[in-house]
Full PDB file with SEQRES, HELIX, SHEET, SSBOND, CRYST1, ORIGX, SCALE, CONECT and MASTER records, all heavy atoms in Angstrom:
SEQRES   1 A   27  VAL ARG GLU THR GLY GLU GLU ILE GLY ILE ALA ILE ASP          
SEQRES   2 A   27  ALA ALA GLU ALA ARG PHE ALA HIS LEU VAL HIS HIS TYR          
SEQRES   3 A   27  THR                                                          
HELIX    1 AA1 ARG A    2  ILE A    8  1                                   7    
HELIX    2 AA2 ALA A   14  GLU A   16  5                                   3    
CRYST1    1.000    1.000    1.000  90.00  90.00  90.00 P 1           1          
ORIGX1      1.000000  0.000000  0.000000        0.00000                         
ORIGX2      0.000000  1.000000  0.000000        0.00000                         
ORIGX3      0.000000  0.000000  1.000000        0.00000                         
SCALE1      1.000000  0.000000  0.000000        0.00000                         
SCALE2      0.000000  1.000000  0.000000        0.00000                         
SCALE3      0.000000  0.000000  1.000000        0.00000                         
ATOM      1  N   VAL A   1      24.167  -0.856  -5.823  1.00  0.00           N  
ATOM      2  CA  VAL A   1      23.338  -0.388  -6.942  1.00  0.00           C  
ATOM      3  C   VAL A   1      22.319  -1.459  -7.321  1.00  0.00           C  
ATOM      4  O   VAL A   1      21.122  -1.170  -7.476  1.00  0.00           O  
ATOM      5  CB  VAL A   1      24.217   0.001  -8.146  1.00  0.00           C  
ATOM      6  CG1 VAL A   1      23.372   0.267  -9.383  1.00  0.00           C  
ATOM      7  CG2 VAL A   1      25.074   1.225  -7.809  1.00  0.00           C  
ATOM      8  N   ARG A   2      22.768  -2.709  -7.455  1.00  0.00           N  
ATOM      9  CA  ARG A   2      21.869  -3.797  -7.841  1.00  0.00           C  
ATOM     10  C   ARG A   2      20.782  -4.031  -6.796  1.00  0.00           C  
ATOM     11  O   ARG A   2      19.589  -4.090  -7.121  1.00  0.00           O  
ATOM     12  CB  ARG A   2      22.678  -5.091  -8.052  1.00  0.00           C  
ATOM     13  CG  ARG A   2      21.805  -6.298  -8.386  1.00  0.00           C  
ATOM     14  CD  ARG A   2      22.620  -7.580  -8.527  1.00  0.00           C  
ATOM     15  NE  ARG A   2      23.457  -7.894  -7.384  1.00  0.00           N  
ATOM     16  CZ  ARG A   2      23.017  -8.410  -6.224  1.00  0.00           C  
ATOM     17  NH1 ARG A   2      21.717  -8.649  -6.044  1.00  0.00           N  
ATOM     18  NH2 ARG A   2      23.853  -8.690  -5.239  1.00  0.00           N  
ATOM     19  N   GLU A   3      21.188  -4.155  -5.524  1.00  0.00           N  
ATOM     20  CA  GLU A   3      20.221  -4.439  -4.460  1.00  0.00           C  
ATOM     21  C   GLU A   3      19.216  -3.299  -4.283  1.00  0.00           C  
ATOM     22  O   GLU A   3      18.048  -3.542  -3.984  1.00  0.00           O  
ATOM     23  CB  GLU A   3      20.937  -4.730  -3.142  1.00  0.00           C  
ATOM     24  CG  GLU A   3      21.612  -6.077  -3.088  1.00  0.00           C  
ATOM     25  CD  GLU A   3      20.645  -7.237  -2.913  1.00  0.00           C  
ATOM     26  OE1 GLU A   3      19.447  -7.020  -2.645  1.00  0.00           O  
ATOM     27  OE2 GLU A   3      21.099  -8.387  -3.040  1.00  0.00           O  
ATOM     28  N   THR A   4      19.662  -2.065  -4.452  1.00  0.00           N  
ATOM     29  CA  THR A   4      18.747  -0.927  -4.332  1.00  0.00           C  
ATOM     30  C   THR A   4      17.637  -1.023  -5.369  1.00  0.00           C  
ATOM     31  O   THR A   4      16.461  -0.839  -5.047  1.00  0.00           O  
ATOM     32  CB  THR A   4      19.523   0.397  -4.465  1.00  0.00           C  
ATOM     33  OG1 THR A   4      20.462   0.491  -3.390  1.00  0.00           O  
ATOM     34  CG2 THR A   4      18.597   1.595  -4.437  1.00  0.00           C  
ATOM     35  N   GLY A   5      18.008  -1.323  -6.604  1.00  0.00           N  
ATOM     36  CA  GLY A   5      16.997  -1.490  -7.642  1.00  0.00           C  
ATOM     37  C   GLY A   5      16.074  -2.650  -7.359  1.00  0.00           C  
ATOM     38  O   GLY A   5      14.850  -2.551  -7.521  1.00  0.00           O  
ATOM     39  N   GLU A   6      16.645  -3.771  -6.896  1.00  0.00           N  
ATOM     40  CA  GLU A   6      15.840  -4.960  -6.622  1.00  0.00           C  
ATOM     41  C   GLU A   6      14.906  -4.782  -5.435  1.00  0.00           C  
ATOM     42  O   GLU A   6      13.761  -5.235  -5.478  1.00  0.00           O  
ATOM     43  CB  GLU A   6      16.755  -6.153  -6.348  1.00  0.00           C  
ATOM     44  CG  GLU A   6      17.489  -6.672  -7.562  1.00  0.00           C  
ATOM     45  CD  GLU A   6      18.495  -7.778  -7.251  1.00  0.00           C  
ATOM     46  OE1 GLU A   6      18.550  -8.249  -6.093  1.00  0.00           O  
ATOM     47  OE2 GLU A   6      19.210  -8.171  -8.176  1.00  0.00           O  
ATOM     48  N   GLU A   7      15.376  -4.119  -4.375  1.00  0.00           N  
ATOM     49  CA  GLU A   7      14.584  -4.036  -3.141  1.00  0.00           C  
ATOM     50  C   GLU A   7      13.620  -2.862  -3.082  1.00  0.00           C  
ATOM     51  O   GLU A   7      12.548  -2.992  -2.507  1.00  0.00           O  
ATOM     52  CB  GLU A   7      15.513  -3.984  -1.924  1.00  0.00           C  
ATOM     53  CG  GLU A   7      16.164  -5.300  -1.637  1.00  0.00           C  
ATOM     54  CD  GLU A   7      16.668  -5.413  -0.222  1.00  0.00           C  
ATOM     55  OE1 GLU A   7      16.406  -4.522   0.605  1.00  0.00           O  
ATOM     56  OE2 GLU A   7      17.330  -6.413   0.057  1.00  0.00           O  
ATOM     57  N   ILE A   8      14.030  -1.710  -3.618  1.00  0.00           N  
ATOM     58  CA  ILE A   8      13.149  -0.543  -3.469  1.00  0.00           C  
ATOM     59  C   ILE A   8      12.853   0.169  -4.794  1.00  0.00           C  
ATOM     60  O   ILE A   8      12.208   1.205  -4.798  1.00  0.00           O  
ATOM     61  CB  ILE A   8      13.684   0.456  -2.411  1.00  0.00           C  
ATOM     62  CG1 ILE A   8      15.056   0.987  -2.763  1.00  0.00           C  
ATOM     63  CG2 ILE A   8      13.665  -0.185  -1.035  1.00  0.00           C  
ATOM     64  CD1 ILE A   8      15.554   2.079  -1.820  1.00  0.00           C  
ATOM     65  N   GLY A   9      13.334  -0.386  -5.906  1.00  0.00           N  
ATOM     66  CA  GLY A   9      12.936   0.097  -7.217  1.00  0.00           C  
ATOM     67  C   GLY A   9      13.425   1.477  -7.612  1.00  0.00           C  
ATOM     68  O   GLY A   9      12.827   2.103  -8.481  1.00  0.00           O  
ATOM     69  N   ILE A  10      14.487   1.960  -6.998  1.00  0.00           N  
ATOM     70  CA  ILE A  10      15.041   3.246  -7.406  1.00  0.00           C  
ATOM     71  C   ILE A  10      16.414   3.021  -8.024  1.00  0.00           C  
ATOM     72  O   ILE A  10      17.039   1.976  -7.838  1.00  0.00           O  
ATOM     73  CB  ILE A  10      15.150   4.260  -6.243  1.00  0.00           C  
ATOM     74  CG1 ILE A  10      16.147   3.779  -5.185  1.00  0.00           C  
ATOM     75  CG2 ILE A  10      13.776   4.534  -5.648  1.00  0.00           C  
ATOM     76  CD1 ILE A  10      16.479   4.823  -4.136  1.00  0.00           C  
ATOM     77  N   ALA A  11      16.883   4.014  -8.761  1.00  0.00           N  
ATOM     78  CA  ALA A  11      18.212   3.956  -9.374  1.00  0.00           C  
ATOM     79  C   ALA A  11      19.142   4.909  -8.642  1.00  0.00           C  
ATOM     80  O   ALA A  11      18.782   6.061  -8.396  1.00  0.00           O  
ATOM     81  CB  ALA A  11      18.123   4.329 -10.850  1.00  0.00           C  
ATOM     82  N   ILE A  12      20.303   4.393  -8.281  1.00  0.00           N  
ATOM     83  CA  ILE A  12      21.327   5.241  -7.687  1.00  0.00           C  
ATOM     84  C   ILE A  12      22.587   5.132  -8.526  1.00  0.00           C  
ATOM     85  O   ILE A  12      22.814   4.133  -9.212  1.00  0.00           O  
ATOM     86  CB  ILE A  12      21.624   4.866  -6.213  1.00  0.00           C  
ATOM     87  CG1 ILE A  12      22.146   3.431  -6.087  1.00  0.00           C  
ATOM     88  CG2 ILE A  12      20.401   5.077  -5.340  1.00  0.00           C  
ATOM     89  CD1 ILE A  12      22.656   3.072  -4.703  1.00  0.00           C  
ATOM     90  N   ASP A  13      23.393   6.171  -8.464  1.00  0.00           N  
ATOM     91  CA  ASP A  13      24.677   6.208  -9.144  1.00  0.00           C  
ATOM     92  C   ASP A  13      25.741   5.859  -8.111  1.00  0.00           C  
ATOM     93  O   ASP A  13      25.817   6.500  -7.056  1.00  0.00           O  
ATOM     94  CB  ASP A  13      24.888   7.616  -9.704  1.00  0.00           C  
ATOM     95  CG  ASP A  13      26.191   7.778 -10.461  1.00  0.00           C  
ATOM     96  OD1 ASP A  13      27.073   6.893 -10.386  1.00  0.00           O  
ATOM     97  OD2 ASP A  13      26.340   8.818 -11.122  1.00  0.00           O  
ATOM     98  N   ALA A  14      26.572   4.858  -8.398  1.00  0.00           N  
ATOM     99  CA  ALA A  14      27.617   4.446  -7.457  1.00  0.00           C  
ATOM    100  C   ALA A  14      28.525   5.616  -7.089  1.00  0.00           C  
ATOM    101  O   ALA A  14      29.018   5.688  -5.961  1.00  0.00           O  
ATOM    102  CB  ALA A  14      28.434   3.299  -8.046  1.00  0.00           C  
ATOM    103  N   ALA A  15      28.718   6.541  -8.007  1.00  0.00           N  
ATOM    104  CA  ALA A  15      29.575   7.701  -7.730  1.00  0.00           C  
ATOM    105  C   ALA A  15      28.958   8.624  -6.682  1.00  0.00           C  
ATOM    106  O   ALA A  15      29.661   9.435  -6.074  1.00  0.00           O  
ATOM    107  CB  ALA A  15      29.845   8.475  -9.020  1.00  0.00           C  
ATOM    108  N   GLU A  16      27.650   8.509  -6.451  1.00  0.00           N  
ATOM    109  CA  GLU A  16      26.950   9.339  -5.463  1.00  0.00           C  
ATOM    110  C   GLU A  16      26.938   8.700  -4.073  1.00  0.00           C  
ATOM    111  O   GLU A  16      26.517   9.320  -3.107  1.00  0.00           O  
ATOM    112  CB  GLU A  16      25.507   9.587  -5.906  1.00  0.00           C  
ATOM    113  CG  GLU A  16      25.366  10.391  -7.170  1.00  0.00           C  
ATOM    114  CD  GLU A  16      25.644  11.858  -6.945  1.00  0.00           C  
ATOM    115  OE1 GLU A  16      25.370  12.385  -5.854  1.00  0.00           O  
ATOM    116  OE2 GLU A  16      26.145  12.497  -7.894  1.00  0.00           O  
ATOM    117  N   ALA A  17      27.348   7.436  -3.974  1.00  0.00           N  
ATOM    118  CA  ALA A  17      27.324   6.717  -2.695  1.00  0.00           C  
ATOM    119  C   ALA A  17      28.554   7.106  -1.878  1.00  0.00           C  
ATOM    120  O   ALA A  17      29.677   7.064  -2.372  1.00  0.00           O  
ATOM    121  CB  ALA A  17      27.302   5.216  -2.933  1.00  0.00           C  
ATOM    122  N   ARG A  18      28.315   7.473  -0.635  1.00  0.00           N  
ATOM    123  CA  ARG A  18      29.411   7.856   0.272  1.00  0.00           C  
ATOM    124  C   ARG A  18      29.531   6.796   1.360  1.00  0.00           C  
ATOM    125  O   ARG A  18      28.541   6.447   2.018  1.00  0.00           O  
ATOM    126  CB  ARG A  18      29.097   9.217   0.906  1.00  0.00           C  
ATOM    127  CG  ARG A  18      30.216   9.745   1.807  1.00  0.00           C  
ATOM    128  CD  ARG A  18      29.824  11.043   2.481  1.00  0.00           C  
ATOM    129  NE  ARG A  18      28.808  10.881   3.502  1.00  0.00           N  
ATOM    130  CZ  ARG A  18      29.032  10.484   4.756  1.00  0.00           C  
ATOM    131  NH1 ARG A  18      30.225  10.192   5.159  1.00  0.00           N  
ATOM    132  NH2 ARG A  18      28.026  10.388   5.612  1.00  0.00           N  
ATOM    133  N   PHE A  19      30.757   6.270   1.538  1.00  0.00           N  
ATOM    134  CA  PHE A  19      30.976   5.314   2.608  1.00  0.00           C  
ATOM    135  C   PHE A  19      30.576   5.964   3.927  1.00  0.00           C  
ATOM    136  O   PHE A  19      30.960   7.085   4.214  1.00  0.00           O  
ATOM    137  CB  PHE A  19      32.445   4.875   2.660  1.00  0.00           C  
ATOM    138  CG  PHE A  19      32.770   4.064   3.873  1.00  0.00           C  
ATOM    139  CD1 PHE A  19      32.377   2.741   3.964  1.00  0.00           C  
ATOM    140  CD2 PHE A  19      33.422   4.635   4.940  1.00  0.00           C  
ATOM    141  CE1 PHE A  19      32.651   1.989   5.099  1.00  0.00           C  
ATOM    142  CE2 PHE A  19      33.715   3.898   6.084  1.00  0.00           C  
ATOM    143  CZ  PHE A  19      33.320   2.572   6.154  1.00  0.00           C  
ATOM    144  N   ALA A  20      29.807   5.235   4.763  1.00  0.00           N  
ATOM    145  CA  ALA A  20      29.295   5.814   5.995  1.00  0.00           C  
ATOM    146  C   ALA A  20      29.761   5.063   7.241  1.00  0.00           C  
ATOM    147  O   ALA A  20      30.065   5.692   8.256  1.00  0.00           O  
ATOM    148  CB  ALA A  20      27.763   5.853   5.954  1.00  0.00           C  
ATOM    149  N   HIS A  21      29.788   3.732   7.182  1.00  0.00           N  
ATOM    150  CA  HIS A  21      30.161   2.972   8.375  1.00  0.00           C  
ATOM    151  C   HIS A  21      30.432   1.514   7.990  1.00  0.00           C  
ATOM    152  O   HIS A  21      29.836   0.997   7.047  1.00  0.00           O  
ATOM    153  CB  HIS A  21      29.038   3.009   9.418  1.00  0.00           C  
ATOM    154  CG  HIS A  21      29.454   2.465  10.738  1.00  0.00           C  
ATOM    155  ND1 HIS A  21      30.233   3.169  11.629  1.00  0.00           N  
ATOM    156  CD2 HIS A  21      29.235   1.262  11.323  1.00  0.00           C  
ATOM    157  CE1 HIS A  21      30.464   2.439  12.700  1.00  0.00           C  
ATOM    158  NE2 HIS A  21      29.867   1.267  12.542  1.00  0.00           N  
ATOM    159  N   LEU A  22      31.312   0.872   8.771  1.00  0.00           N  
ATOM    160  CA  LEU A  22      31.584  -0.552   8.616  1.00  0.00           C  
ATOM    161  C   LEU A  22      31.433  -1.219   9.971  1.00  0.00           C  
ATOM    162  O   LEU A  22      32.041  -0.779  10.954  1.00  0.00           O  
ATOM    163  CB  LEU A  22      33.006  -0.781   8.099  1.00  0.00           C  
ATOM    164  CG  LEU A  22      33.414  -2.250   8.000  1.00  0.00           C  
ATOM    165  CD1 LEU A  22      32.801  -2.890   6.756  1.00  0.00           C  
ATOM    166  CD2 LEU A  22      34.924  -2.376   7.955  1.00  0.00           C  
ATOM    167  N   VAL A  23      30.608  -2.265  10.021  1.00  0.00           N  
ATOM    168  CA  VAL A  23      30.485  -3.078  11.229  1.00  0.00           C  
ATOM    169  C   VAL A  23      31.094  -4.445  10.913  1.00  0.00           C  
ATOM    170  O   VAL A  23      30.615  -5.150  10.014  1.00  0.00           O  
ATOM    171  CB  VAL A  23      29.016  -3.285  11.675  1.00  0.00           C  
ATOM    172  CG1 VAL A  23      28.956  -4.159  12.927  1.00  0.00           C  
ATOM    173  CG2 VAL A  23      28.321  -1.979  11.912  1.00  0.00           C  
ATOM    174  N   HIS A  24      32.147  -4.787  11.625  1.00  0.00           N  
ATOM    175  CA  HIS A  24      32.709  -6.138  11.524  1.00  0.00           C  
ATOM    176  C   HIS A  24      32.059  -6.930  12.646  1.00  0.00           C  
ATOM    177  O   HIS A  24      32.349  -6.695  13.814  1.00  0.00           O  
ATOM    178  CB  HIS A  24      34.229  -6.092  11.679  1.00  0.00           C  
ATOM    179  CG  HIS A  24      34.895  -7.398  11.381  1.00  0.00           C  
ATOM    180  ND1 HIS A  24      36.132  -7.697  11.856  1.00  0.00           N  
ATOM    181  CD2 HIS A  24      34.498  -8.476  10.659  1.00  0.00           C  
ATOM    182  CE1 HIS A  24      36.483  -8.901  11.436  1.00  0.00           C  
ATOM    183  NE2 HIS A  24      35.501  -9.394  10.713  1.00  0.00           N  
ATOM    184  N   HIS A  25      31.141  -7.814  12.278  1.00  0.00           N  
ATOM    185  CA  HIS A  25      30.372  -8.491  13.317  1.00  0.00           C  
ATOM    186  C   HIS A  25      30.327  -9.986  13.100  1.00  0.00           C  
ATOM    187  O   HIS A  25      30.637 -10.498  12.029  1.00  0.00           O  
ATOM    188  CB  HIS A  25      28.966  -7.891  13.442  1.00  0.00           C  
ATOM    189  CG  HIS A  25      28.078  -8.094  12.266  1.00  0.00           C  
ATOM    190  ND1 HIS A  25      26.964  -8.884  12.309  1.00  0.00           N  
ATOM    191  CD2 HIS A  25      28.110  -7.579  11.017  1.00  0.00           C  
ATOM    192  CE1 HIS A  25      26.348  -8.855  11.137  1.00  0.00           C  
ATOM    193  NE2 HIS A  25      27.023  -8.088  10.335  1.00  0.00           N  
ATOM    194  N   TYR A  26      29.966 -10.652  14.179  1.00  0.00           N  
ATOM    195  CA  TYR A  26      29.807 -12.098  14.147  1.00  0.00           C  
ATOM    196  C   TYR A  26      28.354 -12.399  14.472  1.00  0.00           C  
ATOM    197  O   TYR A  26      27.897 -12.195  15.595  1.00  0.00           O  
ATOM    198  CB  TYR A  26      30.736 -12.776  15.160  1.00  0.00           C  
ATOM    199  CG  TYR A  26      30.872 -14.249  14.889  1.00  0.00           C  
ATOM    200  CD1 TYR A  26      31.892 -14.719  14.073  1.00  0.00           C  
ATOM    201  CD2 TYR A  26      29.976 -15.163  15.422  1.00  0.00           C  
ATOM    202  CE1 TYR A  26      32.020 -16.065  13.804  1.00  0.00           C  
ATOM    203  CE2 TYR A  26      30.091 -16.512  15.152  1.00  0.00           C  
ATOM    204  CZ  TYR A  26      31.118 -16.967  14.344  1.00  0.00           C  
ATOM    205  OH  TYR A  26      31.234 -18.306  14.066  1.00  0.00           O  
ATOM    206  N   THR A  27      27.623 -12.853  13.451  1.00  0.00           N  
ATOM    207  CA  THR A  27      26.241 -13.262  13.600  1.00  0.00           C  
ATOM    208  C   THR A  27      26.125 -14.605  12.902  1.00  0.00           C  
ATOM    209  O   THR A  27      25.904 -14.660  11.703  1.00  0.00           O  
ATOM    210  CB  THR A  27      25.280 -12.236  12.946  1.00  0.00           C  
ATOM    211  OG1 THR A  27      25.575 -10.952  13.426  1.00  0.00           O  
ATOM    212  CG2 THR A  27      23.834 -12.571  13.213  1.00  0.00           C  
TER     213      THR A  27                                                      
MASTER        0    0    0    2    0    0    0    6  212    1    0    3          
END                                                                             
């Protein structure tokens, strides 16, 4: 929610966010 507002200036509701994918990576 915080990063969305900071990066693209829109408001999202955390309750509307659906988990989509997890990448466990080494970079």
